[in-house]
Amino acid sequence: MHVDEAAVRRMARLARIKVTDAEASALQAELSAILDWIRQLEEVDTSNVAPMTRVVDTALKMRQDEVTDGDMCEAILRNAPMHERRFFVVPKVIE
């Protein structure tokens, strides 16, 4: 598949990328090669191939879904310059 310079310029404009004339001609060749490679991949018969997310079939380890506070409140608040009653205190920015 051939990508012309107008298509390269349009893609660059949509992506908000400044492209010089030399870069446009190089991108034109690269994009055409990428689309040709994709066309080759479309010719591969994948009708008998099951979709997969990884090579080795594994199951996720499950745990109980319990809400906790992590029991780290005091340790976290020690990092704050100011805190009050388990809350971070920040300077007022809006009057």
C-alpha atoms as a PDB file:
ATOM      1  CA  MET A   1       0.000   0.000   0.000  1.00  0.00           C
ATOM      2  CA  HIS A   2       1.346   3.403  -0.911  1.00  0.00           C
ATOM      3  CA  VAL A   3       1.085   6.418   1.398  1.00  0.00           C
ATOM      4  CA  ASP A   4       1.409   9.756  -0.371  1.00  0.00           C
ATOM      5  CA  GLU A   5       2.962  12.921   1.017  1.00  0.00           C
ATOM      6  CA  ALA A   6      -0.441  14.545   1.544  1.00  0.00           C
ATOM      7  CA  ALA A   7      -1.448  11.697   3.866  1.00  0.00           C
ATOM      8  CA  VAL A   8       1.826  12.029   5.790  1.00  0.00           C
ATOM      9  CA  ARG A   9       1.288  15.772   6.180  1.00  0.00           C
ATOM     10  CA  ARG A  10      -2.314  15.221   7.326  1.00  0.00           C
ATOM     11  CA  MET A  11      -1.233  12.636   9.926  1.00  0.00           C
ATOM     12  CA  ALA A  12       1.500  14.955  11.156  1.00  0.00           C
ATOM     13  CA  ARG A  13      -0.984  17.804  11.465  1.00  0.00           C
ATOM     14  CA  LEU A  14      -3.457  15.615  13.370  1.00  0.00           C
ATOM     15  CA  ALA A  15      -0.670  14.440  15.692  1.00  0.00           C
ATOM     16  CA  ARG A  16       0.544  18.046  16.060  1.00  0.00           C
ATOM     17  CA  ILE A  17       4.019  17.074  14.832  1.00  0.00           C
ATOM     18  CA  LYS A  18       6.135  19.430  12.747  1.00  0.00           C
ATOM     19  CA  VAL A  19       7.506  17.549   9.734  1.00  0.00           C
ATOM     20  CA  THR A  20      10.101  18.868   7.286  1.00  0.00           C
ATOM     21  CA  ASP A  21      10.110  17.956   3.589  1.00  0.00           C
ATOM     22  CA  ALA A  22      12.951  15.465   4.104  1.00  0.00           C
ATOM     23  CA  GLU A  23      11.179  13.867   7.070  1.00  0.00           C
ATOM     24  CA  ALA A  24       7.921  13.676   5.113  1.00  0.00           C
ATOM     25  CA  SER A  25       9.522  11.663   2.316  1.00  0.00           C
ATOM     26  CA  ALA A  26      11.217   9.339   4.835  1.00  0.00           C
ATOM     27  CA  LEU A  27       7.960   8.866   6.745  1.00  0.00           C
ATOM     28  CA  GLN A  28       6.164   8.215   3.482  1.00  0.00           C
ATOM     29  CA  ALA A  29       8.448   5.249   2.773  1.00  0.00           C
ATOM     30  CA  GLU A  30       8.298   3.963   6.365  1.00  0.00           C
ATOM     31  CA  LEU A  31       4.510   4.147   6.614  1.00  0.00           C
ATOM     32  CA  SER A  32       4.113   2.415   3.249  1.00  0.00           C
ATOM     33  CA  ALA A  33       6.406  -0.408   4.445  1.00  0.00           C
ATOM     34  CA  ILE A  34       4.459  -0.751   7.706  1.00  0.00           C
ATOM     35  CA  LEU A  35       1.136  -0.976   5.861  1.00  0.00           C
ATOM     36  CA  ASP A  36       2.608  -3.559   3.456  1.00  0.00           C
ATOM     37  CA  TRP A  37       3.725  -5.645   6.447  1.00  0.00           C
ATOM     38  CA  ILE A  38       0.214  -5.407   7.942  1.00  0.00           C
ATOM     39  CA  ARG A  39      -1.222  -6.581   4.625  1.00  0.00           C
ATOM     40  CA  GLN A  40       1.060  -9.641   4.827  1.00  0.00           C
ATOM     41  CA  LEU A  41      -0.206 -10.363   8.344  1.00  0.00           C
ATOM     42  CA  GLU A  42      -3.810 -10.223   7.119  1.00  0.00           C
ATOM     43  CA  GLU A  43      -3.054 -13.145   4.796  1.00  0.00           C
ATOM     44  CA  VAL A  44      -2.263 -15.473   7.726  1.00  0.00           C
ATOM     45  CA  ASP A  45      -5.118 -17.861   8.562  1.00  0.00           C
ATOM     46  CA  THR A  46      -5.883 -17.469  12.272  1.00  0.00           C
ATOM     47  CA  SER A  47      -9.341 -19.057  12.259  1.00  0.00           C
ATOM     48  CA  ASN A  48      -8.185 -22.041  14.355  1.00  0.00           C
ATOM     49  CA  VAL A  49      -6.058 -20.026  16.775  1.00  0.00           C
ATOM     50  CA  ALA A  50      -7.597 -19.337  20.176  1.00  0.00           C
ATOM     51  CA  PRO A  51      -7.199 -15.828  21.590  1.00  0.00           C
ATOM     52  CA  MET A  52      -4.684 -15.688  24.412  1.00  0.00           C
ATOM     53  CA  THR A  53      -3.152 -13.212  26.818  1.00  0.00           C
ATOM     54  CA  ARG A  54       0.022 -15.142  27.636  1.00  0.00           C
ATOM     55  CA  VAL A  55       2.003 -18.112  26.403  1.00  0.00           C
ATOM     56  CA  VAL A  56       1.588 -20.212  29.549  1.00  0.00           C
ATOM     57  CA  ASP A  57      -1.968 -20.783  30.741  1.00  0.00           C
ATOM     58  CA  THR A  58      -2.165 -19.651  34.368  1.00  0.00           C
ATOM     59  CA  ALA A  59      -4.937 -18.672  36.723  1.00  0.00           C
ATOM     60  CA  LEU A  60      -4.848 -15.553  38.858  1.00  0.00           C
ATOM     61  CA  LYS A  61      -4.496 -16.036  42.573  1.00  0.00           C
ATOM     62  CA  MET A  62      -7.682 -14.935  44.294  1.00  0.00           C
ATOM     63  CA  ARG A  63      -8.054 -13.376  47.718  1.00  0.00           C
ATOM     64  CA  GLN A  64     -10.951 -12.110  49.767  1.00  0.00           C
ATOM     65  CA  ASP A  65     -12.113  -8.641  48.805  1.00  0.00           C
ATOM     66  CA  GLU A  66     -11.931  -6.919  52.173  1.00  0.00           C
ATOM     67  CA  VAL A  67     -11.816  -3.183  52.764  1.00  0.00           C
ATOM     68  CA  THR A  68      -9.007  -2.185  55.115  1.00  0.00           C
ATOM     69  CA  ASP A  69      -7.172   1.039  55.836  1.00  0.00           C
ATOM     70  CA  GLY A  70      -3.849  -0.777  55.679  1.00  0.00           C
ATOM     71  CA  ASP A  71      -3.239  -0.027  59.343  1.00  0.00           C
ATOM     72  CA  MET A  72      -0.562   2.482  58.317  1.00  0.00           C
ATOM     73  CA  CYS A  73      -2.243   5.779  59.133  1.00  0.00           C
ATOM     74  CA  GLU A  74       0.250   6.820  61.794  1.00  0.00           C
ATOM     75  CA  ALA A  75       3.252   5.911  59.660  1.00  0.00           C
ATOM     76  CA  ILE A  76       1.880   7.891  56.738  1.00  0.00           C
ATOM     77  CA  LEU A  77       1.027  10.929  58.849  1.00  0.00           C
ATOM     78  CA  ARG A  78       4.599  11.025  60.174  1.00  0.00           C
ATOM     79  CA  ASN A  79       5.638  12.124  56.659  1.00  0.00           C
ATOM     80  CA  ALA A  80       3.279  15.116  56.694  1.00  0.00           C
ATOM     81  CA  PRO A  81       4.594  18.515  57.802  1.00  0.00           C
ATOM     82  CA  MET A  82       1.227  19.172  59.518  1.00  0.00           C
ATOM     83  CA  HIS A  83      -1.630  16.840  60.422  1.00  0.00           C
ATOM     84  CA  GLU A  84      -4.676  16.959  62.610  1.00  0.00           C
ATOM     85  CA  ARG A  85      -7.001  14.106  63.683  1.00  0.00           C
ATOM     86  CA  ARG A  86      -5.757  11.625  61.027  1.00  0.00           C
ATOM     87  CA  PHE A  87      -5.918  14.224  58.218  1.00  0.00           C
ATOM     88  CA  PHE A  88      -3.260  16.150  56.312  1.00  0.00           C
ATOM     89  CA  VAL A  89      -3.336  19.902  56.995  1.00  0.00           C
ATOM     90  CA  VAL A  90      -2.517  22.106  53.991  1.00  0.00           C
ATOM     91  CA  PRO A  91      -2.283  25.888  53.695  1.00  0.00           C
ATOM     92  CA  LYS A  92      -5.369  27.697  52.515  1.00  0.00           C
ATOM     93  CA  VAL A  93      -4.993  28.693  48.866  1.00  0.00           C
ATOM     94  CA  ILE A  94      -8.405  30.203  48.091  1.00  0.00           C
ATOM     95  CA  GLU A  95     -10.012  32.941  50.168  1.00  0.00           C
END
